[in-house]
């Protein structure tokens, strides 16, 4: 079984998230998503199992992760949906585990 864990510090909202993705066959992926955020908790209840290829290779408008997020989120800048996609890709060996960083600043 392959497993990936992605920890997200989303910034100013103060609601970190932990995404655990695991897969036995590289296609079906189980998700456990933890956070104190109500929107992420609702998303987690909906996204417990996904098809890795659908998640990794479907555009934003049809992607099951982003569709689920659109039903629960009010803040489009939340990085958690992207982190979920990354966790699925890593657990299913569709991407290598490399950190992603945002570094916002006012100039």
PDB file of N, CA and C in Angstrom:
ATOM      1  N   UNK A   1       0.848  -1.187   0.000  1.00  0.00           N
ATOM      2  CA  UNK A   1       0.000   0.000   0.000  1.00  0.00           C
ATOM      3  C   UNK A   1       0.886   1.240   0.000  1.00  0.00           C
ATOM      4  N   UNK A   2       0.569   2.166  -0.873  1.00  0.00           N
ATOM      5  CA  UNK A   2       1.271   3.444  -0.910  1.00  0.00           C
ATOM      6  C   UNK A   2       0.463   4.469  -0.131  1.00  0.00           C
ATOM      7  N   UNK A   3       1.179   5.321   0.595  1.00  0.00           N
ATOM      8  CA  UNK A   3       0.500   6.331   1.399  1.00  0.00           C
ATOM      9  C   UNK A   3       1.231   7.656   1.274  1.00  0.00           C
ATOM     10  N   UNK A   4       0.470   8.724   1.264  1.00  0.00           N
ATOM     11  CA  UNK A   4       1.017  10.077   1.256  1.00  0.00           C
ATOM     12  C   UNK A   4       0.311  10.892   2.317  1.00  0.00           C
ATOM     13  N   UNK A   5       1.058  11.752   2.969  1.00  0.00           N
ATOM     14  CA  UNK A   5       0.492  12.689   3.939  1.00  0.00           C
ATOM     15  C   UNK A   5       0.927  14.085   3.522  1.00  0.00           C
ATOM     16  N   UNK A   6      -0.052  14.976   3.413  1.00  0.00           N
ATOM     17  CA  UNK A   6       0.229  16.370   3.076  1.00  0.00           C
ATOM     18  C   UNK A   6      -0.333  17.238   4.200  1.00  0.00           C
ATOM     19  N   UNK A   7       0.530  18.053   4.781  1.00  0.00           N
ATOM     20  CA  UNK A   7       0.102  18.981   5.818  1.00  0.00           C
ATOM     21  C   UNK A   7       0.028  20.370   5.215  1.00  0.00           C
ATOM     22  N   UNK A   8      -1.082  21.055   5.488  1.00  0.00           N
ATOM     23  CA  UNK A   8      -1.333  22.352   4.875  1.00  0.00           C
ATOM     24  C   UNK A   8      -1.437  23.425   5.956  1.00  0.00           C
ATOM     25  N   UNK A   9      -0.617  24.448   5.817  1.00  0.00           N
ATOM     26  CA  UNK A   9      -0.760  25.662   6.630  1.00  0.00           C
ATOM     27  C   UNK A   9      -1.409  26.683   5.696  1.00  0.00           C
ATOM     28  N   UNK A  10      -2.725  26.879   5.814  1.00  0.00           N
ATOM     29  CA  UNK A  10      -3.439  27.688   4.832  1.00  0.00           C
ATOM     30  C   UNK A  10      -3.265  29.186   4.990  1.00  0.00           C
ATOM     31  N   UNK A  11      -2.592  29.618   6.025  1.00  0.00           N
ATOM     32  CA  UNK A  11      -2.362  31.048   6.182  1.00  0.00           C
ATOM     33  C   UNK A  11      -3.219  31.689   7.243  1.00  0.00           C
ATOM     34  N   UNK A  12      -3.776  32.822   6.910  1.00  0.00           N
ATOM     35  CA  UNK A  12      -4.405  33.706   7.882  1.00  0.00           C
ATOM     36  C   UNK A  12      -5.629  33.103   8.569  1.00  0.00           C
ATOM     37  N   UNK A  13      -6.314  32.168   7.945  1.00  0.00           N
ATOM     38  CA  UNK A  13      -7.514  31.594   8.577  1.00  0.00           C
ATOM     39  C   UNK A  13      -7.176  30.810   9.837  1.00  0.00           C
ATOM     40  N   UNK A  14      -5.959  30.271   9.921  1.00  0.00           N
ATOM     41  CA  UNK A  14      -5.540  29.570  11.121  1.00  0.00           C
ATOM     42  C   UNK A  14      -6.075  28.156  11.254  1.00  0.00           C
ATOM     43  N   UNK A  15      -6.568  27.569  10.174  1.00  0.00           N
ATOM     44  CA  UNK A  15      -7.099  26.205  10.215  1.00  0.00           C
ATOM     45  C   UNK A  15      -6.213  25.263   9.399  1.00  0.00           C
ATOM     46  N   UNK A  16      -5.130  24.750   9.996  1.00  0.00           N
ATOM     47  CA  UNK A  16      -4.306  23.807   9.259  1.00  0.00           C
ATOM     48  C   UNK A  16      -5.093  22.539   8.926  1.00  0.00           C
ATOM     49  N   UNK A  17      -4.608  21.838   7.923  1.00  0.00           N
ATOM     50  CA  UNK A  17      -5.254  20.590   7.510  1.00  0.00           C
ATOM     51  C   UNK A  17      -4.198  19.521   7.329  1.00  0.00           C
ATOM     52  N   UNK A  18      -4.624  18.296   7.517  1.00  0.00           N
ATOM     53  CA  UNK A  18      -3.760  17.128   7.305  1.00  0.00           C
ATOM     54  C   UNK A  18      -4.525  16.177   6.393  1.00  0.00           C
ATOM     55  N   UNK A  19      -3.908  15.844   5.277  1.00  0.00           N
ATOM     56  CA  UNK A  19      -4.542  14.976   4.285  1.00  0.00           C
ATOM     57  C   UNK A  19      -3.731  13.693   4.199  1.00  0.00           C
ATOM     58  N   UNK A  20      -4.384  12.563   4.446  1.00  0.00           N
ATOM     59  CA  UNK A  20      -3.753  11.252   4.300  1.00  0.00           C
ATOM     60  C   UNK A  20      -4.433  10.550   3.142  1.00  0.00           C
ATOM     61  N   UNK A  21      -3.634  10.141   2.169  1.00  0.00           N
ATOM     62  CA  UNK A  21      -4.149   9.435   0.994  1.00  0.00           C
ATOM     63  C   UNK A  21      -3.451   8.087   0.914  1.00  0.00           C
ATOM     64  N   UNK A  22      -4.219   7.048   0.639  1.00  0.00           N
ATOM     65  CA  UNK A  22      -3.611   5.725   0.510  1.00  0.00           C
ATOM     66  C   UNK A  22      -4.287   4.943  -0.611  1.00  0.00           C
ATOM     67  N   UNK A  23      -3.478   4.095  -1.237  1.00  0.00           N
ATOM     68  CA  UNK A  23      -3.991   3.310  -2.351  1.00  0.00           C
ATOM     69  C   UNK A  23      -3.272   1.969  -2.414  1.00  0.00           C
ATOM     70  N   UNK A  24      -4.034   0.928  -2.686  1.00  0.00           N
ATOM     71  CA  UNK A  24      -3.449  -0.397  -2.852  1.00  0.00           C
ATOM     72  C   UNK A  24      -3.187  -0.719  -4.315  1.00  0.00           C
ATOM     73  N   UNK A  25      -3.956  -0.113  -5.208  1.00  0.00           N
ATOM     74  CA  UNK A  25      -3.841  -0.466  -6.624  1.00  0.00           C
ATOM     75  C   UNK A  25      -3.396   0.692  -7.518  1.00  0.00           C
ATOM     76  N   UNK A  26      -3.145   1.861  -6.939  1.00  0.00           N
ATOM     77  CA  UNK A  26      -2.728   3.010  -7.729  1.00  0.00           C
ATOM     78  C   UNK A  26      -3.865   3.675  -8.484  1.00  0.00           C
ATOM     79  N   UNK A  27      -5.094   3.227  -8.243  1.00  0.00           N
ATOM     80  CA  UNK A  27      -6.250   3.804  -8.936  1.00  0.00           C
ATOM     81  C   UNK A  27      -7.303   4.298  -7.954  1.00  0.00           C
ATOM     82  N   UNK A  28      -7.761   3.430  -7.076  1.00  0.00           N
ATOM     83  CA  UNK A  28      -8.710   3.835  -6.039  1.00  0.00           C
ATOM     84  C   UNK A  28      -7.900   4.405  -4.881  1.00  0.00           C
ATOM     85  N   UNK A  29      -8.316   5.561  -4.399  1.00  0.00           N
ATOM     86  CA  UNK A  29      -7.553   6.227  -3.345  1.00  0.00           C
ATOM     87  C   UNK A  29      -8.476   6.586  -2.188  1.00  0.00           C
ATOM     88  N   UNK A  30      -8.095   6.151  -0.994  1.00  0.00           N
ATOM     89  CA  UNK A  30      -8.836   6.480   0.223  1.00  0.00           C
ATOM     90  C   UNK A  30      -8.253   7.753   0.820  1.00  0.00           C
ATOM     91  N   UNK A  31      -9.125   8.609   1.316  1.00  0.00           N
ATOM     92  CA  UNK A  31      -8.702   9.887   1.889  1.00  0.00           C
ATOM     93  C   UNK A  31      -9.197  10.036   3.322  1.00  0.00           C
ATOM     94  N   UNK A  32      -8.331  10.566   4.167  1.00  0.00           N
ATOM     95  CA  UNK A  32      -8.696  11.005   5.511  1.00  0.00           C
ATOM     96  C   UNK A  32      -8.198  12.440   5.603  1.00  0.00           C
ATOM     97  N   UNK A  33      -9.137  13.369   5.782  1.00  0.00           N
ATOM     98  CA  UNK A  33      -8.816  14.792   5.801  1.00  0.00           C
ATOM     99  C   UNK A  33      -9.234  15.346   7.151  1.00  0.00           C
ATOM    100  N   UNK A  34      -8.275  15.958   7.851  1.00  0.00           N
ATOM    101  CA  UNK A  34      -8.539  16.475   9.188  1.00  0.00           C
ATOM    102  C   UNK A  34      -8.283  17.974   9.244  1.00  0.00           C
ATOM    103  N   UNK A  35      -9.173  18.697   9.887  1.00  0.00           N
ATOM    104  CA  UNK A  35      -9.018  20.138  10.077  1.00  0.00           C
ATOM    105  C   UNK A  35     -10.081  20.638  11.049  1.00  0.00           C
ATOM    106  N   UNK A  36      -9.808  21.769  11.650  1.00  0.00           N
ATOM    107  CA  UNK A  36     -10.801  22.420  12.503  1.00  0.00           C
ATOM    108  C   UNK A  36     -11.764  23.286  11.713  1.00  0.00           C
ATOM    109  N   UNK A  37     -11.539  23.416  10.410  1.00  0.00           N
ATOM    110  CA  UNK A  37     -12.398  24.234   9.547  1.00  0.00           C
ATOM    111  C   UNK A  37     -13.674  23.474   9.195  1.00  0.00           C
ATOM    112  N   UNK A  38     -14.823  24.116   9.365  1.00  0.00           N
ATOM    113  CA  UNK A  38     -16.106  23.471   9.055  1.00  0.00           C
ATOM    114  C   UNK A  38     -16.218  23.095   7.580  1.00  0.00           C
ATOM    115  N   UNK A  39     -15.734  23.944   6.700  1.00  0.00           N
ATOM    116  CA  UNK A  39     -15.820  23.667   5.263  1.00  0.00           C
ATOM    117  C   UNK A  39     -14.956  22.458   4.895  1.00  0.00           C
ATOM    118  N   UNK A  40     -13.755  22.396   5.449  1.00  0.00           N
ATOM    119  CA  UNK A  40     -12.880  21.256   5.164  1.00  0.00           C
ATOM    120  C   UNK A  40     -13.452  19.984   5.772  1.00  0.00           C
ATOM    121  N   UNK A  41     -14.031  20.069   6.943  1.00  0.00           N
ATOM    122  CA  UNK A  41     -14.649  18.899   7.574  1.00  0.00           C
ATOM    123  C   UNK A  41     -15.802  18.380   6.719  1.00  0.00           C
ATOM    124  N   UNK A  42     -16.614  19.280   6.179  1.00  0.00           N
ATOM    125  CA  UNK A  42     -17.711  18.874   5.295  1.00  0.00           C
ATOM    126  C   UNK A  42     -17.168  18.251   4.010  1.00  0.00           C
ATOM    127  N   UNK A  43     -16.115  18.837   3.471  1.00  0.00           N
ATOM    128  CA  UNK A  43     -15.479  18.279   2.283  1.00  0.00           C
ATOM    129  C   UNK A  43     -14.929  16.888   2.575  1.00  0.00           C
ATOM    130  N   UNK A  44     -14.310  16.721   3.724  1.00  0.00           N
ATOM    131  CA  UNK A  44     -13.747  15.432   4.118  1.00  0.00           C
ATOM    132  C   UNK A  44     -14.806  14.337   4.189  1.00  0.00           C
ATOM    133  N   UNK A  45     -15.988  14.692   4.662  1.00  0.00           N
ATOM    134  CA  UNK A  45     -17.074  13.710   4.755  1.00  0.00           C
ATOM    135  C   UNK A  45     -17.510  13.234   3.374  1.00  0.00           C
ATOM    136  N   UNK A  46     -17.389  14.098   2.385  1.00  0.00           N
ATOM    137  CA  UNK A  46     -17.781  13.746   1.021  1.00  0.00           C
ATOM    138  C   UNK A  46     -16.678  13.010   0.268  1.00  0.00           C
ATOM    139  N   UNK A  47     -15.436  13.365   0.539  1.00  0.00           N
ATOM    140  CA  UNK A  47     -14.311  12.786  -0.208  1.00  0.00           C
ATOM    141  C   UNK A  47     -13.566  11.743   0.614  1.00  0.00           C
ATOM    142  N   UNK A  48     -14.120  10.580   0.746  1.00  0.00           N
ATOM    143  CA  UNK A  48     -13.440   9.510   1.469  1.00  0.00           C
ATOM    144  C   UNK A  48     -12.766   8.523   0.527  1.00  0.00           C
ATOM    145  N   UNK A  49     -13.239   8.459  -0.704  1.00  0.00           N
ATOM    146  CA  UNK A  49     -12.690   7.556  -1.718  1.00  0.00           C
ATOM    147  C   UNK A  49     -12.810   8.248  -3.075  1.00  0.00           C
ATOM    148  N   UNK A  50     -11.719   8.261  -3.843  1.00  0.00           N
ATOM    149  CA  UNK A  50     -11.743   8.877  -5.164  1.00  0.00           C
ATOM    150  C   UNK A  50     -11.012   8.000  -6.169  1.00  0.00           C
ATOM    151  N   UNK A  51     -11.281   8.248  -7.438  1.00  0.00           N
ATOM    152  CA  UNK A  51     -10.555   7.618  -8.531  1.00  0.00           C
ATOM    153  C   UNK A  51      -9.351   8.511  -8.839  1.00  0.00           C
ATOM    154  N   UNK A  52      -8.160   7.986  -8.651  1.00  0.00           N
ATOM    155  CA  UNK A  52      -6.947   8.792  -8.790  1.00  0.00           C
ATOM    156  C   UNK A  52      -6.795   9.397 -10.175  1.00  0.00           C
ATOM    157  N   UNK A  53      -7.122   8.648 -11.209  1.00  0.00           N
ATOM    158  CA  UNK A  53      -6.958   9.154 -12.564  1.00  0.00           C
ATOM    159  C   UNK A  53      -7.954  10.274 -12.867  1.00  0.00           C
ATOM    160  N   UNK A  54      -9.147  10.154 -12.326  1.00  0.00           N
ATOM    161  CA  UNK A  54     -10.139  11.218 -12.497  1.00  0.00           C
ATOM    162  C   UNK A  54      -9.679  12.487 -11.778  1.00  0.00           C
ATOM    163  N   UNK A  55      -9.128  12.319 -10.574  1.00  0.00           N
ATOM    164  CA  UNK A  55      -8.647  13.468  -9.801  1.00  0.00           C
ATOM    165  C   UNK A  55      -7.429  14.107 -10.463  1.00  0.00           C
ATOM    166  N   UNK A  56      -6.494  13.297 -10.919  1.00  0.00           N
ATOM    167  CA  UNK A  56      -5.233  13.819 -11.451  1.00  0.00           C
ATOM    168  C   UNK A  56      -5.335  14.383 -12.864  1.00  0.00           C
ATOM    169  N   UNK A  57      -6.263  13.861 -13.654  1.00  0.00           N
ATOM    170  CA  UNK A  57      -6.263  14.208 -15.072  1.00  0.00           C
ATOM    171  C   UNK A  57      -7.561  14.846 -15.574  1.00  0.00           C
ATOM    172  N   UNK A  58      -8.357  15.382 -14.658  1.00  0.00           N
ATOM    173  CA  UNK A  58      -9.589  16.070 -15.043  1.00  0.00           C
ATOM    174  C   UNK A  58      -9.422  17.562 -14.780  1.00  0.00           C
ATOM    175  N   UNK A  59      -9.951  18.388 -15.665  1.00  0.00           N
ATOM    176  CA  UNK A  59      -9.805  19.829 -15.499  1.00  0.00           C
ATOM    177  C   UNK A  59     -10.571  20.334 -14.268  1.00  0.00           C
ATOM    178  N   UNK A  60     -10.313  21.563 -13.891  1.00  0.00           N
ATOM    179  CA  UNK A  60     -10.923  22.146 -12.688  1.00  0.00           C
ATOM    180  C   UNK A  60     -12.449  22.078 -12.716  1.00  0.00           C
ATOM    181  N   UNK A  61     -13.046  22.380 -13.835  1.00  0.00           N
ATOM    182  CA  UNK A  61     -14.507  22.470 -13.929  1.00  0.00           C
ATOM    183  C   UNK A  61     -15.200  21.130 -13.749  1.00  0.00           C
ATOM    184  N   UNK A  62     -14.486  20.026 -13.986  1.00  0.00           N
ATOM    185  CA  UNK A  62     -15.093  18.700 -13.881  1.00  0.00           C
ATOM    186  C   UNK A  62     -14.422  17.826 -12.833  1.00  0.00           C
ATOM    187  N   UNK A  63     -13.431  18.354 -12.157  1.00  0.00           N
ATOM    188  CA  UNK A  63     -12.652  17.585 -11.194  1.00  0.00           C
ATOM    189  C   UNK A  63     -13.478  17.298  -9.943  1.00  0.00           C
ATOM    190  N   UNK A  64     -13.538  16.041  -9.495  1.00  0.00           N
ATOM    191  CA  UNK A  64     -14.369  15.710  -8.335  1.00  0.00           C
ATOM    192  C   UNK A  64     -13.948  16.413  -7.048  1.00  0.00           C
ATOM    193  N   UNK A  65     -12.666  16.694  -6.881  1.00  0.00           N
ATOM    194  CA  UNK A  65     -12.219  17.401  -5.681  1.00  0.00           C
ATOM    195  C   UNK A  65     -12.710  18.848  -5.707  1.00  0.00           C
ATOM    196  N   UNK A  66     -12.531  19.518  -6.835  1.00  0.00           N
ATOM    197  CA  UNK A  66     -12.951  20.913  -6.934  1.00  0.00           C
ATOM    198  C   UNK A  66     -14.477  21.060  -6.975  1.00  0.00           C
ATOM    199  N   UNK A  67     -15.164  20.081  -7.547  1.00  0.00           N
ATOM    200  CA  UNK A  67     -16.631  20.114  -7.509  1.00  0.00           C
ATOM    201  C   UNK A  67     -17.130  19.990  -6.071  1.00  0.00           C
ATOM    202  N   UNK A  68     -16.538  19.069  -5.313  1.00  0.00           N
ATOM    203  CA  UNK A  68     -16.919  18.920  -3.908  1.00  0.00           C
ATOM    204  C   UNK A  68     -16.582  20.178  -3.119  1.00  0.00           C
ATOM    205  N   UNK A  69     -15.411  20.750  -3.374  1.00  0.00           N
ATOM    206  CA  UNK A  69     -15.029  21.985  -2.682  1.00  0.00           C
ATOM    207  C   UNK A  69     -16.005  23.110  -2.988  1.00  0.00           C
ATOM    208  N   UNK A  70     -16.488  23.157  -4.224  1.00  0.00           N
ATOM    209  CA  UNK A  70     -17.421  24.234  -4.589  1.00  0.00           C
ATOM    210  C   UNK A  70     -18.747  24.117  -3.843  1.00  0.00           C
ATOM    211  N   UNK A  71     -19.064  22.935  -3.363  1.00  0.00           N
ATOM    212  CA  UNK A  71     -20.304  22.745  -2.592  1.00  0.00           C
ATOM    213  C   UNK A  71     -20.140  23.148  -1.125  1.00  0.00           C
ATOM    214  N   UNK A  72     -18.902  23.226  -0.648  1.00  0.00           N
ATOM    215  CA  UNK A  72     -18.672  23.448   0.781  1.00  0.00           C
ATOM    216  C   UNK A  72     -17.900  24.721   1.107  1.00  0.00           C
ATOM    217  N   UNK A  73     -17.166  25.278   0.155  1.00  0.00           N
ATOM    218  CA  UNK A  73     -16.265  26.395   0.419  1.00  0.00           C
ATOM    219  C   UNK A  73     -16.885  27.724   0.022  1.00  0.00           C
ATOM    220  N   UNK A  74     -16.464  28.753   0.726  1.00  0.00           N
ATOM    221  CA  UNK A  74     -16.825  30.118   0.362  1.00  0.00           C
ATOM    222  C   UNK A  74     -15.577  30.910  -0.016  1.00  0.00           C
ATOM    223  N   UNK A  75     -14.409  30.335   0.189  1.00  0.00           N
ATOM    224  CA  UNK A  75     -13.152  31.048  -0.028  1.00  0.00           C
ATOM    225  C   UNK A  75     -12.339  30.340  -1.101  1.00  0.00           C
ATOM    226  N   UNK A  76     -12.306  30.900  -2.289  1.00  0.00           N
ATOM    227  CA  UNK A  76     -11.670  30.258  -3.441  1.00  0.00           C
ATOM    228  C   UNK A  76     -10.155  30.125  -3.302  1.00  0.00           C
ATOM    229  N   UNK A  77      -9.529  30.911  -2.451  1.00  0.00           N
ATOM    230  CA  UNK A  77      -8.072  30.859  -2.319  1.00  0.00           C
ATOM    231  C   UNK A  77      -7.579  29.749  -1.400  1.00  0.00           C
ATOM    232  N   UNK A  78      -8.464  28.993  -0.800  1.00  0.00           N
ATOM    233  CA  UNK A  78      -8.055  27.914   0.097  1.00  0.00           C
ATOM    234  C   UNK A  78      -7.174  26.912  -0.655  1.00  0.00           C
ATOM    235  N   UNK A  79      -5.986  26.602  -0.133  1.00  0.00           N
ATOM    236  CA  UNK A  79      -5.075  25.688  -0.816  1.00  0.00           C
ATOM    237  C   UNK A  79      -5.378  24.207  -0.576  1.00  0.00           C
ATOM    238  N   UNK A  80      -6.339  23.893   0.267  1.00  0.00           N
ATOM    239  CA  UNK A  80      -6.595  22.494   0.619  1.00  0.00           C
ATOM    240  C   UNK A  80      -7.030  21.651  -0.574  1.00  0.00           C
ATOM    241  N   UNK A  81      -7.942  22.093  -1.439  1.00  0.00           N
ATOM    242  CA  UNK A  81      -8.292  21.237  -2.581  1.00  0.00           C
ATOM    243  C   UNK A  81      -7.083  20.862  -3.446  1.00  0.00           C
ATOM    244  N   UNK A  82      -6.207  21.803  -3.697  1.00  0.00           N
ATOM    245  CA  UNK A  82      -4.998  21.514  -4.462  1.00  0.00           C
ATOM    246  C   UNK A  82      -4.124  20.503  -3.722  1.00  0.00           C
ATOM    247  N   UNK A  83      -4.030  20.634  -2.417  1.00  0.00           N
ATOM    248  CA  UNK A  83      -3.240  19.697  -1.610  1.00  0.00           C
ATOM    249  C   UNK A  83      -3.844  18.293  -1.643  1.00  0.00           C
ATOM    250  N   UNK A  84      -5.169  18.204  -1.711  1.00  0.00           N
ATOM    251  CA  UNK A  84      -5.827  16.897  -1.829  1.00  0.00           C
ATOM    252  C   UNK A  84      -5.430  16.236  -3.147  1.00  0.00           C
ATOM    253  N   UNK A  85      -5.468  17.007  -4.226  1.00  0.00           N
ATOM    254  CA  UNK A  85      -5.067  16.472  -5.531  1.00  0.00           C
ATOM    255  C   UNK A  85      -3.627  15.992  -5.464  1.00  0.00           C
ATOM    256  N   UNK A  86      -2.750  16.776  -4.870  1.00  0.00           N
ATOM    257  CA  UNK A  86      -1.337  16.402  -4.764  1.00  0.00           C
ATOM    258  C   UNK A  86      -1.175  15.116  -3.944  1.00  0.00           C
ATOM    259  N   UNK A  87      -1.897  14.985  -2.836  1.00  0.00           N
ATOM    260  CA  UNK A  87      -1.805  13.784  -2.002  1.00  0.00           C
ATOM    261  C   UNK A  87      -2.239  12.543  -2.777  1.00  0.00           C
ATOM    262  N   UNK A  88      -3.317  12.664  -3.539  1.00  0.00           N
ATOM    263  CA  UNK A  88      -3.801  11.539  -4.355  1.00  0.00           C
ATOM    264  C   UNK A  88      -2.744  11.165  -5.395  1.00  0.00           C
ATOM    265  N   UNK A  89      -2.203  12.153  -6.071  1.00  0.00           N
ATOM    266  CA  UNK A  89      -1.172  11.882  -7.084  1.00  0.00           C
ATOM    267  C   UNK A  89       0.020  11.141  -6.487  1.00  0.00           C
ATOM    268  N   UNK A  90       0.472  11.563  -5.333  1.00  0.00           N
ATOM    269  CA  UNK A  90       1.630  10.939  -4.700  1.00  0.00           C
ATOM    270  C   UNK A  90       1.305   9.517  -4.249  1.00  0.00           C
ATOM    271  N   UNK A  91       0.168   9.334  -3.593  1.00  0.00           N
ATOM    272  CA  UNK A  91      -0.201   8.007  -3.096  1.00  0.00           C
ATOM    273  C   UNK A  91      -0.374   7.001  -4.231  1.00  0.00           C
ATOM    274  N   UNK A  92      -0.786   7.487  -5.386  1.00  0.00           N
ATOM    275  CA  UNK A  92      -1.028   6.593  -6.524  1.00  0.00           C
ATOM    276  C   UNK A  92       0.120   6.589  -7.523  1.00  0.00           C
ATOM    277  N   UNK A  93       1.241   7.178  -7.114  1.00  0.00           N
ATOM    278  CA  UNK A  93       2.460   7.191  -7.928  1.00  0.00           C
ATOM    279  C   UNK A  93       2.287   7.906  -9.277  1.00  0.00           C
ATOM    280  N   UNK A  94       1.466   8.950  -9.270  1.00  0.00           N
ATOM    281  CA  UNK A  94       1.262   9.753 -10.472  1.00  0.00           C
ATOM    282  C   UNK A  94       2.075  11.042 -10.426  1.00  0.00           C
ATOM    283  N   UNK A  95       2.727  11.309  -9.298  1.00  0.00           N
ATOM    284  CA  UNK A  95       3.586  12.480  -9.137  1.00  0.00           C
ATOM    285  C   UNK A  95       4.580  12.194  -8.019  1.00  0.00           C
ATOM    286  N   UNK A  96       5.676  12.898  -8.053  1.00  0.00           N
ATOM    287  CA  UNK A  96       6.675  12.765  -7.001  1.00  0.00           C
ATOM    288  C   UNK A  96       6.361  13.722  -5.857  1.00  0.00           C
ATOM    289  N   UNK A  97       6.742  13.345  -4.636  1.00  0.00           N
ATOM    290  CA  UNK A  97       6.475  14.215  -3.480  1.00  0.00           C
ATOM    291  C   UNK A  97       7.460  15.379  -3.417  1.00  0.00           C
ATOM    292  N   UNK A  98       7.016  16.529  -3.825  1.00  0.00           N
ATOM    293  CA  UNK A  98       7.825  17.754  -3.768  1.00  0.00           C
ATOM    294  C   UNK A  98       6.955  18.854  -3.170  1.00  0.00           C
ATOM    295  N   UNK A  99       7.513  19.608  -2.273  1.00  0.00           N
ATOM    296  CA  UNK A  99       6.763  20.664  -1.587  1.00  0.00           C
ATOM    297  C   UNK A  99       6.347  21.771  -2.551  1.00  0.00           C
ATOM    298  N   UNK A 100       5.197  22.350  -2.261  1.00  0.00           N
ATOM    299  CA  UNK A 100       4.667  23.497  -2.998  1.00  0.00           C
ATOM    300  C   UNK A 100       4.608  24.654  -2.008  1.00  0.00           C
ATOM    301  N   UNK A 101       4.991  25.842  -2.430  1.00  0.00           N
ATOM    302  CA  UNK A 101       4.981  26.989  -1.525  1.00  0.00           C
ATOM    303  C   UNK A 101       4.286  28.190  -2.148  1.00  0.00           C
ATOM    304  N   UNK A 102       3.501  28.867  -1.341  1.00  0.00           N
ATOM    305  CA  UNK A 102       2.981  30.182  -1.681  1.00  0.00           C
ATOM    306  C   UNK A 102       3.745  31.153  -0.779  1.00  0.00           C
ATOM    307  N   UNK A 103       4.114  32.280  -1.276  1.00  0.00           N
ATOM    308  CA  UNK A 103       4.798  33.271  -0.447  1.00  0.00           C
ATOM    309  C   UNK A 103       4.203  34.654  -0.698  1.00  0.00           C
ATOM    310  N   UNK A 104       2.958  34.871  -0.256  1.00  0.00           N
ATOM    311  CA  UNK A 104       2.341  36.172  -0.519  1.00  0.00           C
ATOM    312  C   UNK A 104       3.000  37.305   0.261  1.00  0.00           C
ATOM    313  N   UNK A 105       3.083  38.456  -0.385  1.00  0.00           N
ATOM    314  CA  UNK A 105       3.569  39.651   0.282  1.00  0.00           C
ATOM    315  C   UNK A 105       2.991  40.865  -0.421  1.00  0.00           C
ATOM    316  N   UNK A 106       2.911  41.944   0.298  1.00  0.00           N
ATOM    317  CA  UNK A 106       2.404  43.194  -0.254  1.00  0.00           C
ATOM    318  C   UNK A 106       3.617  44.052  -0.617  1.00  0.00           C
ATOM    319  N   UNK A 107       3.587  44.593  -1.796  1.00  0.00           N
ATOM    320  CA  UNK A 107       4.712  45.462  -2.220  1.00  0.00           C
ATOM    321  C   UNK A 107       4.212  46.845  -2.501  1.00  0.00           C
TER     322      UNK A 107
END
